[in-house]
Amino acid sequence: MSLIQRLSEDPEIVFLKNLFAEVLLLTKEDLQNPVPRGCYDGRNEPWRIKMEALSFVRSRYCQLICDFLGIDYERYKKEVLKSFRPLKIDKRSATKC
C-alpha cells in the first residue's frame, strides 16, 4: 500500500475532509440564502454575515481548503458568487432598492 493510499484512508484525514467540505457548503449557503444562518434571532445583521462569508471565499484559506479537497478553487468561487448580489442602494435618495 502506498503512502498516499494510507494517508487518504487515515481517519483524521477523512475527518478533516468532511469538516472542510461542510465549511464550504455552509459558506455557500450563507452567501446564497436571503437570510444567512444565525440571523433569525434579530441580533446579527445578515449583511455582516454575508460579508464575512464573502471575505472567506476570497481568502487564501478557502483556496487552501479547496486544494486539500481536490476542488477547483476558481470554479467553486464562481459557483458560490454567481447568485450572490450585494445590497443595492440608490445614491440619489439613499434608499435601498
PDB file of N, CA and C in Angstrom:
ATOM      1  N   MET A   1       0.849  -1.175   0.000  1.00  0.00           N
ATOM      2  CA  MET A   1       0.000   0.000   0.000  1.00  0.00           C
ATOM      3  C   MET A   1       0.895   1.240   0.000  1.00  0.00           C
ATOM      4  N   SER A   2       0.582   2.152  -0.871  1.00  0.00           N
ATOM      5  CA  SER A   2       1.409   3.353  -0.982  1.00  0.00           C
ATOM      6  C   SER A   2       1.100   4.328   0.153  1.00  0.00           C
ATOM      7  N   LEU A   3       1.998   5.261   0.335  1.00  0.00           N
ATOM      8  CA  LEU A   3       1.830   6.274   1.380  1.00  0.00           C
ATOM      9  C   LEU A   3       0.584   7.115   1.117  1.00  0.00           C
ATOM     10  N   ILE A   4       0.339   7.442  -0.136  1.00  0.00           N
ATOM     11  CA  ILE A   4      -0.835   8.259  -0.476  1.00  0.00           C
ATOM     12  C   ILE A   4      -2.120   7.515  -0.135  1.00  0.00           C
ATOM     13  N   GLN A   5      -2.178   6.216  -0.421  1.00  0.00           N
ATOM     14  CA  GLN A   5      -3.370   5.437  -0.081  1.00  0.00           C
ATOM     15  C   GLN A   5      -3.577   5.381   1.427  1.00  0.00           C
ATOM     16  N   ARG A   6      -2.495   5.183   2.176  1.00  0.00           N
ATOM     17  CA  ARG A   6      -2.613   5.122   3.635  1.00  0.00           C
ATOM     18  C   ARG A   6      -3.083   6.456   4.201  1.00  0.00           C
ATOM     19  N   LEU A   7      -2.561   7.558   3.661  1.00  0.00           N
ATOM     20  CA  LEU A   7      -2.985   8.876   4.141  1.00  0.00           C
ATOM     21  C   LEU A   7      -4.438   9.151   3.790  1.00  0.00           C
ATOM     22  N   SER A   8      -4.872   8.733   2.605  1.00  0.00           N
ATOM     23  CA  SER A   8      -6.250   9.007   2.201  1.00  0.00           C
ATOM     24  C   SER A   8      -7.249   8.192   3.016  1.00  0.00           C
ATOM     25  N   GLU A   9      -6.812   7.083   3.605  1.00  0.00           N
ATOM     26  CA  GLU A   9      -7.693   6.260   4.429  1.00  0.00           C
ATOM     27  C   GLU A   9      -7.547   6.567   5.918  1.00  0.00           C
ATOM     28  N   ASP A  10      -6.630   7.428   6.285  1.00  0.00           N
ATOM     29  CA  ASP A  10      -6.411   7.795   7.685  1.00  0.00           C
ATOM     30  C   ASP A  10      -7.678   8.467   8.227  1.00  0.00           C
ATOM     31  N   PRO A  11      -8.212   8.001   9.364  1.00  0.00           N
ATOM     32  CA  PRO A  11      -9.448   8.579   9.908  1.00  0.00           C
ATOM     33  C   PRO A  11      -9.353  10.088  10.167  1.00  0.00           C
ATOM     34  N   GLU A  12      -8.194  10.581  10.562  1.00  0.00           N
ATOM     35  CA  GLU A  12      -8.047  12.020  10.808  1.00  0.00           C
ATOM     36  C   GLU A  12      -8.146  12.809   9.507  1.00  0.00           C
ATOM     37  N   ILE A  13      -7.569  12.278   8.431  1.00  0.00           N
ATOM     38  CA  ILE A  13      -7.647  12.954   7.130  1.00  0.00           C
ATOM     39  C   ILE A  13      -9.086  12.935   6.624  1.00  0.00           C
ATOM     40  N   VAL A  14      -9.760  11.800   6.777  1.00  0.00           N
ATOM     41  CA  VAL A  14     -11.164  11.696   6.366  1.00  0.00           C
ATOM     42  C   VAL A  14     -12.009  12.694   7.155  1.00  0.00           C
ATOM     43  N   PHE A  15     -11.771  12.806   8.460  1.00  0.00           N
ATOM     44  CA  PHE A  15     -12.497  13.762   9.292  1.00  0.00           C
ATOM     45  C   PHE A  15     -12.257  15.194   8.813  1.00  0.00           C
ATOM     46  N   LEU A  16     -11.004  15.539   8.538  1.00  0.00           N
ATOM     47  CA  LEU A  16     -10.689  16.890   8.061  1.00  0.00           C
ATOM     48  C   LEU A  16     -11.375  17.182   6.734  1.00  0.00           C
ATOM     49  N   LYS A  17     -11.373  16.215   5.832  1.00  0.00           N
ATOM     50  CA  LYS A  17     -12.035  16.411   4.538  1.00  0.00           C
ATOM     51  C   LYS A  17     -13.526  16.672   4.726  1.00  0.00           C
ATOM     52  N   ASN A  18     -14.167  15.907   5.591  1.00  0.00           N
ATOM     53  CA  ASN A  18     -15.596  16.111   5.851  1.00  0.00           C
ATOM     54  C   ASN A  18     -15.856  17.467   6.498  1.00  0.00           C
ATOM     55  N   LEU A  19     -15.003  17.844   7.434  1.00  0.00           N
ATOM     56  CA  LEU A  19     -15.147  19.133   8.106  1.00  0.00           C
ATOM     57  C   LEU A  19     -14.990  20.295   7.125  1.00  0.00           C
ATOM     58  N   PHE A  20     -13.947  20.243   6.304  1.00  0.00           N
ATOM     59  CA  PHE A  20     -13.714  21.313   5.336  1.00  0.00           C
ATOM     60  C   PHE A  20     -14.813  21.364   4.279  1.00  0.00           C
ATOM     61  N   ALA A  21     -15.320  20.205   3.870  1.00  0.00           N
ATOM     62  CA  ALA A  21     -16.424  20.182   2.906  1.00  0.00           C
ATOM     63  C   ALA A  21     -17.657  20.854   3.501  1.00  0.00           C
ATOM     64  N   GLU A  22     -17.912  20.620   4.781  1.00  0.00           N
ATOM     65  CA  GLU A  22     -19.041  21.261   5.461  1.00  0.00           C
ATOM     66  C   GLU A  22     -18.852  22.777   5.531  1.00  0.00           C
ATOM     67  N   VAL A  23     -17.634  23.228   5.788  1.00  0.00           N
ATOM     68  CA  VAL A  23     -17.342  24.666   5.819  1.00  0.00           C
ATOM     69  C   VAL A  23     -17.660  25.300   4.467  1.00  0.00           C
ATOM     70  N   LEU A  24     -17.246  24.655   3.386  1.00  0.00           N
ATOM     71  CA  LEU A  24     -17.504  25.198   2.051  1.00  0.00           C
ATOM     72  C   LEU A  24     -18.997  25.223   1.744  1.00  0.00           C
ATOM     73  N   LEU A  25     -19.725  24.188   2.137  1.00  0.00           N
ATOM     74  CA  LEU A  25     -21.171  24.161   1.901  1.00  0.00           C
ATOM     75  C   LEU A  25     -21.896  25.239   2.704  1.00  0.00           C
ATOM     76  N   LEU A  26     -21.545  25.395   3.968  1.00  0.00           N
ATOM     77  CA  LEU A  26     -22.199  26.410   4.801  1.00  0.00           C
ATOM     78  C   LEU A  26     -21.883  27.820   4.315  1.00  0.00           C
ATOM     79  N   THR A  27     -20.668  28.033   3.832  1.00  0.00           N
ATOM     80  CA  THR A  27     -20.304  29.344   3.289  1.00  0.00           C
ATOM     81  C   THR A  27     -21.145  29.650   2.060  1.00  0.00           C
ATOM     82  N   LYS A  28     -21.312  28.658   1.208  1.00  0.00           N
ATOM     83  CA  LYS A  28     -22.145  28.836   0.014  1.00  0.00           C
ATOM     84  C   LYS A  28     -23.583  29.162   0.410  1.00  0.00           C
ATOM     85  N   GLU A  29     -24.122  28.446   1.389  1.00  0.00           N
ATOM     86  CA  GLU A  29     -25.483  28.711   1.849  1.00  0.00           C
ATOM     87  C   GLU A  29     -25.609  30.121   2.419  1.00  0.00           C
ATOM     88  N   ASP A  30     -24.631  30.559   3.191  1.00  0.00           N
ATOM     89  CA  ASP A  30     -24.681  31.904   3.769  1.00  0.00           C
ATOM     90  C   ASP A  30     -24.740  32.974   2.691  1.00  0.00           C
ATOM     91  N   LEU A  31     -24.003  32.781   1.618  1.00  0.00           N
ATOM     92  CA  LEU A  31     -23.971  33.789   0.562  1.00  0.00           C
ATOM     93  C   LEU A  31     -25.208  33.747  -0.322  1.00  0.00           C
ATOM     94  N   GLN A  32     -25.777  32.575  -0.527  1.00  0.00           N
ATOM     95  CA  GLN A  32     -26.857  32.457  -1.495  1.00  0.00           C
ATOM     96  C   GLN A  32     -28.251  32.536  -0.888  1.00  0.00           C
ATOM     97  N   ASN A  33     -28.385  32.362   0.416  1.00  0.00           N
ATOM     98  CA  ASN A  33     -29.693  32.469   1.053  1.00  0.00           C
ATOM     99  C   ASN A  33     -29.984  33.922   1.408  1.00  0.00           C
ATOM    100  N   PRO A  34     -31.252  34.324   1.316  1.00  0.00           N
ATOM    101  CA  PRO A  34     -31.595  35.712   1.670  1.00  0.00           C
ATOM    102  C   PRO A  34     -31.258  36.050   3.118  1.00  0.00           C
ATOM    103  N   VAL A  35     -31.467  35.096   4.024  1.00  0.00           N
ATOM    104  CA  VAL A  35     -31.136  35.309   5.432  1.00  0.00           C
ATOM    105  C   VAL A  35     -30.174  34.204   5.850  1.00  0.00           C
ATOM    106  N   PRO A  36     -28.898  34.547   6.079  1.00  0.00           N
ATOM    107  CA  PRO A  36     -27.912  33.529   6.453  1.00  0.00           C
ATOM    108  C   PRO A  36     -28.195  32.912   7.820  1.00  0.00           C
ATOM    109  N   ARG A  37     -27.519  31.800   8.089  1.00  0.00           N
ATOM    110  CA  ARG A  37     -27.637  31.137   9.390  1.00  0.00           C
ATOM    111  C   ARG A  37     -27.264  32.113  10.499  1.00  0.00           C
ATOM    112  N   GLY A  38     -27.950  32.040  11.620  1.00  0.00           N
ATOM    113  CA  GLY A  38     -27.617  32.870  12.769  1.00  0.00           C
ATOM    114  C   GLY A  38     -28.275  34.236  12.765  1.00  0.00           C
ATOM    115  N   CYS A  39     -29.067  34.549  11.761  1.00  0.00           N
ATOM    116  CA  CYS A  39     -29.682  35.880  11.673  1.00  0.00           C
ATOM    117  C   CYS A  39     -31.159  35.868  12.053  1.00  0.00           C
ATOM    118  N   TYR A  40     -31.648  34.771  12.556  1.00  0.00           N
ATOM    119  CA  TYR A  40     -33.074  34.674  12.846  1.00  0.00           C
ATOM    120  C   TYR A  40     -33.454  35.265  14.193  1.00  0.00           C
ATOM    121  N   ASP A  41     -32.486  35.487  15.056  1.00  0.00           N
ATOM    122  CA  ASP A  41     -32.802  35.987  16.389  1.00  0.00           C
ATOM    123  C   ASP A  41     -32.803  37.512  16.469  1.00  0.00           C
ATOM    124  N   GLY A  42     -32.511  38.184  15.382  1.00  0.00           N
ATOM    125  CA  GLY A  42     -32.534  39.633  15.352  1.00  0.00           C
ATOM    126  C   GLY A  42     -31.279  40.296  15.875  1.00  0.00           C
ATOM    127  N   ARG A  43     -30.318  39.522  16.365  1.00  0.00           N
ATOM    128  CA  ARG A  43     -29.102  40.119  16.923  1.00  0.00           C
ATOM    129  C   ARG A  43     -28.008  40.304  15.879  1.00  0.00           C
ATOM    130  N   ASN A  44     -27.973  39.455  14.881  1.00  0.00           N
ATOM    131  CA  ASN A  44     -26.928  39.547  13.862  1.00  0.00           C
ATOM    132  C   ASN A  44     -27.495  40.127  12.577  1.00  0.00           C
ATOM    133  N   GLU A  45     -26.735  40.983  11.951  1.00  0.00           N
ATOM    134  CA  GLU A  45     -27.169  41.598  10.714  1.00  0.00           C
ATOM    135  C   GLU A  45     -26.807  40.679   9.550  1.00  0.00           C
ATOM    136  N   PRO A  46     -27.775  40.378   8.658  1.00  0.00           N
ATOM    137  CA  PRO A  46     -27.494  39.497   7.522  1.00  0.00           C
ATOM    138  C   PRO A  46     -26.343  39.991   6.658  1.00  0.00           C
ATOM    139  N   TRP A  47     -26.223  41.291   6.464  1.00  0.00           N
ATOM    140  CA  TRP A  47     -25.164  41.800   5.592  1.00  0.00           C
ATOM    141  C   TRP A  47     -23.786  41.523   6.176  1.00  0.00           C
ATOM    142  N   ARG A  48     -23.674  41.559   7.519  1.00  0.00           N
ATOM    143  CA  ARG A  48     -22.379  41.299   8.151  1.00  0.00           C
ATOM    144  C   ARG A  48     -21.967  39.838   7.963  1.00  0.00           C
ATOM    145  N   ILE A  49     -22.920  38.932   8.133  1.00  0.00           N
ATOM    146  CA  ILE A  49     -22.647  37.507   7.936  1.00  0.00           C
ATOM    147  C   ILE A  49     -22.244  37.259   6.484  1.00  0.00           C
ATOM    148  N   LYS A  50     -22.953  37.895   5.554  1.00  0.00           N
ATOM    149  CA  LYS A  50     -22.639  37.718   4.135  1.00  0.00           C
ATOM    150  C   LYS A  50     -21.260  38.285   3.795  1.00  0.00           C
ATOM    151  N   MET A  51     -20.898  39.408   4.373  1.00  0.00           N
ATOM    152  CA  MET A  51     -19.587  39.994   4.090  1.00  0.00           C
ATOM    153  C   MET A  51     -18.458  39.131   4.665  1.00  0.00           C
ATOM    154  N   GLU A  52     -18.688  38.533   5.825  1.00  0.00           N
ATOM    155  CA  GLU A  52     -17.686  37.624   6.387  1.00  0.00           C
ATOM    156  C   GLU A  52     -17.522  36.392   5.504  1.00  0.00           C
ATOM    157  N   ALA A  53     -18.635  35.853   5.006  1.00  0.00           N
ATOM    158  CA  ALA A  53     -18.568  34.693   4.112  1.00  0.00           C
ATOM    159  C   ALA A  53     -17.884  35.066   2.803  1.00  0.00           C
ATOM    160  N   LEU A  54     -18.187  36.246   2.290  1.00  0.00           N
ATOM    161  CA  LEU A  54     -17.562  36.715   1.052  1.00  0.00           C
ATOM    162  C   LEU A  54     -16.061  36.883   1.241  1.00  0.00           C
ATOM    163  N   SER A  55     -15.669  37.434   2.367  1.00  0.00           N
ATOM    164  CA  SER A  55     -14.249  37.599   2.673  1.00  0.00           C
ATOM    165  C   SER A  55     -13.549  36.246   2.745  1.00  0.00           C
ATOM    166  N   PHE A  56     -14.217  35.259   3.339  1.00  0.00           N
ATOM    167  CA  PHE A  56     -13.631  33.921   3.426  1.00  0.00           C
ATOM    168  C   PHE A  56     -13.458  33.311   2.039  1.00  0.00           C
ATOM    169  N   VAL A  57     -14.469  33.431   1.176  1.00  0.00           N
ATOM    170  CA  VAL A  57     -14.396  32.840  -0.168  1.00  0.00           C
ATOM    171  C   VAL A  57     -13.227  33.428  -0.948  1.00  0.00           C
ATOM    172  N   ARG A  58     -12.943  34.689  -0.733  1.00  0.00           N
ATOM    173  CA  ARG A  58     -11.851  35.346  -1.459  1.00  0.00           C
ATOM    174  C   ARG A  58     -10.487  35.154  -0.788  1.00  0.00           C
ATOM    175  N   SER A  59     -10.453  34.465   0.338  1.00  0.00           N
ATOM    176  CA  SER A  59      -9.207  34.347   1.104  1.00  0.00           C
ATOM    177  C   SER A  59      -8.333  33.193   0.630  1.00  0.00           C
ATOM    178  N   ARG A  60      -7.094  33.260   1.048  1.00  0.00           N
ATOM    179  CA  ARG A  60      -6.132  32.191   0.759  1.00  0.00           C
ATOM    180  C   ARG A  60      -6.527  30.907   1.493  1.00  0.00           C
ATOM    181  N   TYR A  61      -7.158  31.043   2.664  1.00  0.00           N
ATOM    182  CA  TYR A  61      -7.585  29.866   3.419  1.00  0.00           C
ATOM    183  C   TYR A  61      -8.577  29.032   2.615  1.00  0.00           C
ATOM    184  N   CYS A  62      -9.528  29.694   1.985  1.00  0.00           N
ATOM    185  CA  CYS A  62     -10.509  28.986   1.166  1.00  0.00           C
ATOM    186  C   CYS A  62      -9.816  28.275   0.007  1.00  0.00           C
ATOM    187  N   GLN A  63      -8.856  28.943  -0.589  1.00  0.00           N
ATOM    188  CA  GLN A  63      -8.114  28.341  -1.694  1.00  0.00           C
ATOM    189  C   GLN A  63      -7.354  27.100  -1.213  1.00  0.00           C
ATOM    190  N   LEU A  64      -6.745  27.170  -0.048  1.00  0.00           N
ATOM    191  CA  LEU A  64      -6.023  26.019   0.502  1.00  0.00           C
ATOM    192  C   LEU A  64      -6.965  24.855   0.816  1.00  0.00           C
ATOM    193  N   ILE A  65      -8.140  25.163   1.345  1.00  0.00           N
ATOM    194  CA  ILE A  65      -9.119  24.114   1.628  1.00  0.00           C
ATOM    195  C   ILE A  65      -9.556  23.432   0.336  1.00  0.00           C
ATOM    196  N   CYS A  66      -9.821  24.226  -0.690  1.00  0.00           N
ATOM    197  CA  CYS A  66     -10.208  23.652  -1.985  1.00  0.00           C
ATOM    198  C   CYS A  66      -9.094  22.766  -2.537  1.00  0.00           C
ATOM    199  N   ASP A  67      -7.862  23.224  -2.429  1.00  0.00           N
ATOM    200  CA  ASP A  67      -6.727  22.415  -2.886  1.00  0.00           C
ATOM    201  C   ASP A  67      -6.647  21.104  -2.105  1.00  0.00           C
ATOM    202  N   PHE A  68      -6.843  21.168  -0.804  1.00  0.00           N
ATOM    203  CA  PHE A  68      -6.795  19.976   0.043  1.00  0.00           C
ATOM    204  C   PHE A  68      -7.875  18.972  -0.357  1.00  0.00           C
ATOM    205  N   LEU A  69      -9.058  19.485  -0.709  1.00  0.00           N
ATOM    206  CA  LEU A  69     -10.169  18.612  -1.087  1.00  0.00           C
ATOM    207  C   LEU A  69     -10.132  18.197  -2.552  1.00  0.00           C
ATOM    208  N   GLY A  70      -9.234  18.800  -3.326  1.00  0.00           N
ATOM    209  CA  GLY A  70      -9.160  18.477  -4.747  1.00  0.00           C
ATOM    210  C   GLY A  70     -10.224  19.176  -5.570  1.00  0.00           C
ATOM    211  N   ILE A  71     -10.692  20.316  -5.083  1.00  0.00           N
ATOM    212  CA  ILE A  71     -11.724  21.101  -5.767  1.00  0.00           C
ATOM    213  C   ILE A  71     -11.057  22.258  -6.491  1.00  0.00           C
ATOM    214  N   ASP A  72     -11.525  22.552  -7.695  1.00  0.00           N
ATOM    215  CA  ASP A  72     -11.013  23.699  -8.440  1.00  0.00           C
ATOM    216  C   ASP A  72     -11.518  24.974  -7.756  1.00  0.00           C
ATOM    217  N   TYR A  73     -10.604  25.743  -7.173  1.00  0.00           N
ATOM    218  CA  TYR A  73     -10.965  26.931  -6.394  1.00  0.00           C
ATOM    219  C   TYR A  73     -11.718  27.959  -7.232  1.00  0.00           C
ATOM    220  N   GLU A  74     -11.228  28.242  -8.422  1.00  0.00           N
ATOM    221  CA  GLU A  74     -11.875  29.261  -9.264  1.00  0.00           C
ATOM    222  C   GLU A  74     -13.297  28.845  -9.634  1.00  0.00           C
ATOM    223  N   ARG A  75     -13.494  27.572  -9.884  1.00  0.00           N
ATOM    224  CA  ARG A  75     -14.837  27.085 -10.215  1.00  0.00           C
ATOM    225  C   ARG A  75     -15.752  27.185  -8.995  1.00  0.00           C
ATOM    226  N   TYR A  76     -15.235  26.806  -7.818  1.00  0.00           N
ATOM    227  CA  TYR A  76     -16.019  26.923  -6.584  1.00  0.00           C
ATOM    228  C   TYR A  76     -16.415  28.377  -6.343  1.00  0.00           C
ATOM    229  N   LYS A  77     -15.450  29.274  -6.455  1.00  0.00           N
ATOM    230  CA  LYS A  77     -15.711  30.696  -6.223  1.00  0.00           C
ATOM    231  C   LYS A  77     -16.760  31.218  -7.200  1.00  0.00           C
ATOM    232  N   LYS A  78     -16.642  30.845  -8.456  1.00  0.00           N
ATOM    233  CA  LYS A  78     -17.604  31.287  -9.474  1.00  0.00           C
ATOM    234  C   LYS A  78     -18.999  30.751  -9.159  1.00  0.00           C
ATOM    235  N   GLU A  79     -19.084  29.485  -8.766  1.00  0.00           N
ATOM    236  CA  GLU A  79     -20.372  28.868  -8.440  1.00  0.00           C
ATOM    237  C   GLU A  79     -21.016  29.538  -7.227  1.00  0.00           C
ATOM    238  N   VAL A  80     -20.221  29.809  -6.211  1.00  0.00           N
ATOM    239  CA  VAL A  80     -20.745  30.408  -4.978  1.00  0.00           C
ATOM    240  C   VAL A  80     -21.199  31.845  -5.211  1.00  0.00           C
ATOM    241  N   LEU A  81     -20.432  32.583  -5.993  1.00  0.00           N
ATOM    242  CA  LEU A  81     -20.725  34.006  -6.162  1.00  0.00           C
ATOM    243  C   LEU A  81     -21.723  34.302  -7.272  1.00  0.00           C
ATOM    244  N   LYS A  82     -22.123  33.298  -8.061  1.00  0.00           N
ATOM    245  CA  LYS A  82     -22.989  33.593  -9.201  1.00  0.00           C
ATOM    246  C   LYS A  82     -24.376  34.079  -8.785  1.00  0.00           C
ATOM    247  N   SER A  83     -24.873  33.639  -7.649  1.00  0.00           N
ATOM    248  CA  SER A  83     -26.186  34.128  -7.227  1.00  0.00           C
ATOM    249  C   SER A  83     -26.092  35.090  -6.046  1.00  0.00           C
ATOM    250  N   PHE A  84     -24.872  35.506  -5.703  1.00  0.00           N
ATOM    251  CA  PHE A  84     -24.696  36.489  -4.632  1.00  0.00           C
ATOM    252  C   PHE A  84     -24.854  37.877  -5.216  1.00  0.00           C
ATOM    253  N   ARG A  85     -25.743  38.639  -4.649  1.00  0.00           N
ATOM    254  CA  ARG A  85     -25.950  40.019  -5.084  1.00  0.00           C
ATOM    255  C   ARG A  85     -25.883  40.917  -3.858  1.00  0.00           C
ATOM    256  N   PRO A  86     -24.937  41.844  -3.843  1.00  0.00           N
ATOM    257  CA  PRO A  86     -24.889  42.765  -2.701  1.00  0.00           C
ATOM    258  C   PRO A  86     -26.100  43.693  -2.701  1.00  0.00           C
ATOM    259  N   LEU A  87     -26.376  44.245  -1.567  1.00  0.00           N
ATOM    260  CA  LEU A  87     -27.484  45.173  -1.419  1.00  0.00           C
ATOM    261  C   LEU A  87     -27.241  46.407  -2.272  1.00  0.00           C
ATOM    262  N   LYS A  88     -28.229  46.766  -3.081  1.00  0.00           N
ATOM    263  CA  LYS A  88     -28.084  47.954  -3.930  1.00  0.00           C
ATOM    264  C   LYS A  88     -28.735  49.148  -3.239  1.00  0.00           C
ATOM    265  N   ILE A  89     -28.050  50.268  -3.296  1.00  0.00           N
ATOM    266  CA  ILE A  89     -28.570  51.493  -2.691  1.00  0.00           C
ATOM    267  C   ILE A  89     -28.657  52.561  -3.768  1.00  0.00           C
ATOM    268  N   ASP A  90     -29.806  53.201  -3.842  1.00  0.00           N
ATOM    269  CA  ASP A  90     -29.994  54.298  -4.784  1.00  0.00           C
ATOM    270  C   ASP A  90     -29.250  55.505  -4.219  1.00  0.00           C
ATOM    271  N   LYS A  91     -28.204  55.937  -4.903  1.00  0.00           N
ATOM    272  CA  LYS A  91     -27.349  57.013  -4.391  1.00  0.00           C
ATOM    273  C   LYS A  91     -28.073  58.356  -4.326  1.00  0.00           C
ATOM    274  N   ARG A  92     -29.027  58.562  -5.205  1.00  0.00           N
ATOM    275  CA  ARG A  92     -29.722  59.852  -5.215  1.00  0.00           C
ATOM    276  C   ARG A  92     -30.604  60.037  -3.986  1.00  0.00           C
ATOM    277  N   SER A  93     -31.339  59.001  -3.639  1.00  0.00           N
ATOM    278  CA  SER A  93     -32.242  59.151  -2.498  1.00  0.00           C
ATOM    279  C   SER A  93     -31.745  58.418  -1.256  1.00  0.00           C
ATOM    280  N   ALA A  94     -30.642  57.677  -1.388  1.00  0.00           N
ATOM    281  CA  ALA A  94     -30.035  56.915  -0.289  1.00  0.00           C
ATOM    282  C   ALA A  94     -31.014  55.907   0.308  1.00  0.00           C
ATOM    283  N   THR A  95     -31.831  55.312  -0.563  1.00  0.00           N
ATOM    284  CA  THR A  95     -32.750  54.270  -0.109  1.00  0.00           C
ATOM    285  C   THR A  95     -32.355  52.945  -0.731  1.00  0.00           C
ATOM    286  N   LYS A  96     -32.764  51.887  -0.062  1.00  0.00           N
ATOM    287  CA  LYS A  96     -32.470  50.550  -0.564  1.00  0.00           C
ATOM    288  C   LYS A  96     -33.399  50.236  -1.727  1.00  0.00           C
ATOM    289  N   CYS A  97     -32.841  49.620  -2.755  1.00  0.00           N
ATOM    290  CA  CYS A  97     -33.652  49.239  -3.916  1.00  0.00           C
ATOM    291  C   CYS A  97     -34.230  47.860  -3.733  1.00  0.00           C
TER     292      CYS A  97
END
